[in-house]
Amino acid sequence: MAAEANQQTWAPASSTSPDRHVPPMLEKVEETGLEFGFLADLTLKTVYSDTNCTTERAAEKLKLPMAVTEPLLQHLYREKFIEIRGVAGFQNHRYAMLDRGWERVRRLLDISAYIGPAPVSLSAYTAMILWQEKTKQAIKPDAVRAAFSHLVLPRPRCKLSVWL
């Protein structure tokens, strides 16, 4: 994919707790590692599926920050797929479909009926899995015993396997 080749190497954001595996907060569409057109199409289907669509509601459904969702919605507005119906709050507009948007969304739904969270790019997913694998702590038998201590289990089931 072209987007995969152009994207930066992803690294988890540092956090105050070493146990937390939290990806960095996205601030731009390009940081998703996904093609702009793909995200714009998914955003259009999101507006189609919500008769009371706002920037905030679209961001919630796409599972993207408002700072990423708003430029996608503004692009759809400039392309005359949707209209701005009003302001719901600071950087939070109300949107509605236009005829051109209805035509486009019908074609998109014929290709894929998926409407929901934006996917994670393969490279971001791989980087997170590798990072988690590298930073995970070994599970010790005492920790397993402590975790199960509140349960009443038959004795044979309480034996720990050799691999622990």
Protein backbone atom coordinates (compact mmCIF):
# COMPACT_ATOMS: atom_id res chain seq x y z
CA MET A 1 0.00 0.00 0.00
CA ALA A 2 1.15 3.50 -0.73
CA ALA A 3 0.13 4.72 2.73
CA GLU A 4 2.18 1.96 4.38
CA ALA A 5 5.32 3.05 2.53
CA ASN A 6 4.91 6.73 3.41
CA GLN A 7 4.12 6.41 7.07
CA GLN A 8 6.55 6.98 9.86
CA THR A 9 7.74 4.23 12.17
CA TRP A 10 5.33 4.04 15.06
CA ALA A 11 6.46 3.85 18.66
CA PRO A 12 4.23 3.75 21.73
CA ALA A 13 3.97 6.95 23.73
CA SER A 14 5.73 7.01 27.01
CA SER A 15 3.45 6.93 30.00
CA THR A 16 3.83 7.32 33.71
CA SER A 17 3.15 3.62 34.27
CA PRO A 18 5.35 1.01 32.58
CA ASP A 19 2.36 -1.39 32.65
CA ARG A 20 0.32 0.78 30.28
CA HIS A 21 0.55 0.07 26.56
CA VAL A 22 -0.93 3.24 25.13
CA PRO A 23 -0.48 4.35 21.51
CA PRO A 24 0.23 8.03 20.89
CA MET A 25 -2.69 10.43 20.41
CA LEU A 26 -3.18 11.11 16.72
CA GLU A 27 -3.25 14.74 15.65
CA LYS A 28 -3.38 14.49 11.85
CA VAL A 29 -5.03 12.20 9.31
CA GLU A 30 -1.60 11.22 7.96
CA GLU A 31 -0.61 9.80 11.36
CA THR A 32 -3.23 7.05 11.04
CA GLY A 33 -1.14 5.27 8.41
CA LEU A 34 -4.32 4.85 6.33
CA GLU A 35 -5.11 6.39 2.97
CA PHE A 36 -7.00 9.68 3.13
CA GLY A 37 -9.56 8.50 0.55
CA PHE A 38 -10.32 5.36 2.55
CA LEU A 39 -10.91 7.38 5.72
CA ALA A 40 -13.00 9.96 3.85
CA ASP A 41 -15.21 7.17 2.47
CA LEU A 42 -15.59 5.61 5.92
CA THR A 43 -16.44 9.04 7.33
CA LEU A 44 -19.08 9.59 4.64
CA LYS A 45 -20.70 6.25 5.54
CA THR A 46 -20.60 7.33 9.19
CA VAL A 47 -22.48 10.56 8.38
CA TYR A 48 -24.96 8.51 6.34
CA SER A 49 -25.64 6.23 9.30
CA ASP A 50 -26.27 9.05 11.80
CA THR A 51 -29.17 11.43 11.16
CA ASN A 52 -27.90 13.73 13.92
CA CYS A 53 -24.22 13.63 12.95
CA THR A 54 -21.78 16.01 14.59
CA THR A 55 -18.00 16.07 14.54
CA GLU A 56 -18.00 14.62 18.04
CA ARG A 57 -20.39 11.77 17.20
CA ALA A 58 -18.50 10.90 14.02
CA ALA A 59 -15.20 10.89 15.95
CA GLU A 60 -16.75 8.63 18.57
CA LYS A 61 -18.01 6.16 15.95
CA LEU A 62 -14.75 6.20 13.99
CA LYS A 63 -12.73 5.93 17.24
CA LEU A 64 -10.54 8.79 16.03
CA PRO A 65 -9.79 12.11 17.75
CA MET A 66 -11.86 15.11 16.69
CA ALA A 67 -8.65 16.71 15.37
CA VAL A 68 -8.45 13.87 12.82
CA THR A 69 -12.18 13.60 12.11
CA GLU A 70 -12.88 17.30 11.46
CA PRO A 71 -10.52 17.59 8.43
CA LEU A 72 -12.18 14.51 6.92
CA LEU A 73 -15.62 16.05 7.40
CA GLN A 74 -14.43 19.40 6.01
CA HIS A 75 -13.08 17.58 2.93
CA LEU A 76 -16.49 15.93 2.40
CA TYR A 77 -18.11 19.36 2.81
CA ARG A 78 -15.79 20.96 0.23
CA GLU A 79 -16.50 18.10 -2.18
CA LYS A 80 -20.26 18.76 -1.74
CA PHE A 81 -21.04 15.32 -0.26
CA ILE A 82 -22.32 16.78 3.01
CA GLU A 83 -23.51 20.14 4.30
CA ILE A 84 -22.90 21.92 7.57
CA ARG A 85 -26.22 22.36 9.34
CA GLY A 86 -24.95 24.35 12.30
CA VAL A 87 -22.56 24.46 15.20
CA ALA A 88 -22.90 22.04 18.11
CA GLY A 89 -19.94 23.43 20.05
CA PHE A 90 -16.34 24.51 19.69
CA GLN A 91 -14.97 22.80 16.54
CA ASN A 92 -18.06 20.60 16.57
CA HIS A 93 -20.41 21.04 13.60
CA ARG A 94 -23.68 19.35 12.65
CA TYR A 95 -23.62 17.62 9.28
CA ALA A 96 -26.22 16.25 6.86
CA MET A 97 -26.00 14.36 3.57
CA LEU A 98 -26.40 16.10 0.19
CA ASP A 99 -27.64 14.42 -3.01
CA ARG A 100 -24.10 13.92 -4.25
CA GLY A 101 -23.23 12.28 -0.90
CA TRP A 102 -26.22 9.92 -1.14
CA GLU A 103 -25.08 8.82 -4.61
CA ARG A 104 -21.51 8.26 -3.42
CA VAL A 105 -22.54 6.36 -0.29
CA ARG A 106 -24.76 4.00 -2.33
CA ARG A 107 -21.74 3.08 -4.46
CA LEU A 108 -19.55 2.70 -1.37
CA LEU A 109 -22.05 0.43 0.37
CA ASP A 110 -22.14 -1.81 -2.72
CA ILE A 111 -18.39 -2.27 -2.30
CA SER A 112 -18.33 -2.58 1.51
CA ALA A 113 -21.18 -2.20 3.97
CA TYR A 114 -18.77 -1.71 6.88
CA ILE A 115 -19.50 1.33 9.03
CA GLY A 116 -17.58 1.56 12.26
CA PRO A 117 -14.22 2.25 13.86
CA ALA A 118 -11.34 3.10 11.55
CA PRO A 119 -8.93 0.17 11.39
CA VAL A 120 -5.40 0.28 12.72
CA SER A 121 -2.67 0.15 10.08
CA LEU A 122 -0.80 -3.14 9.90
CA SER A 123 2.52 -1.47 10.72
CA ALA A 124 1.07 0.24 13.83
CA TYR A 125 -0.51 -3.02 14.98
CA THR A 126 2.74 -4.93 14.42
CA ALA A 127 4.79 -2.30 16.26
CA MET A 128 2.44 -2.41 19.26
CA ILE A 129 2.50 -6.22 19.44
CA LEU A 130 6.31 -6.28 19.24
CA TRP A 131 6.57 -3.58 21.91
CA GLN A 132 4.16 -5.43 24.21
CA GLU A 133 6.04 -8.69 23.71
CA LYS A 134 9.35 -7.01 24.50
CA THR A 135 8.08 -5.26 27.64
CA LYS A 136 5.85 -7.96 29.13
CA GLN A 137 6.81 -9.36 32.48
CA ALA A 138 7.15 -13.06 33.25
CA ILE A 139 4.30 -14.62 35.18
CA LYS A 140 5.56 -16.26 38.37
CA PRO A 141 3.85 -19.18 40.19
CA ASP A 142 3.37 -17.06 43.33
CA ALA A 143 1.47 -14.45 41.31
CA VAL A 144 -0.83 -17.14 39.88
CA ARG A 145 -1.46 -18.56 43.36
CA ALA A 146 -2.28 -15.08 44.66
CA ALA A 147 -4.65 -14.41 41.75
CA PHE A 148 -6.56 -17.66 42.43
CA SER A 149 -6.37 -17.50 46.24
CA HIS A 150 -9.94 -16.23 46.62
CA LEU A 151 -11.36 -19.19 44.66
CA VAL A 152 -12.25 -22.54 46.19
CA LEU A 153 -10.84 -25.12 43.79
CA PRO A 154 -10.26 -28.87 44.12
CA ARG A 155 -6.65 -29.65 45.07
CA PRO A 156 -5.59 -31.36 41.79
CA ARG A 157 -6.63 -28.26 39.82
CA CYS A 158 -4.44 -26.04 41.97
CA LYS A 159 -1.20 -27.63 40.79
CA LEU A 160 0.82 -25.35 38.63
CA SER A 161 2.02 -26.59 35.28
CA VAL A 162 5.71 -27.06 34.61
CA TRP A 163 5.75 -24.19 32.13
CA LEU A 164 4.99 -21.71 34.87
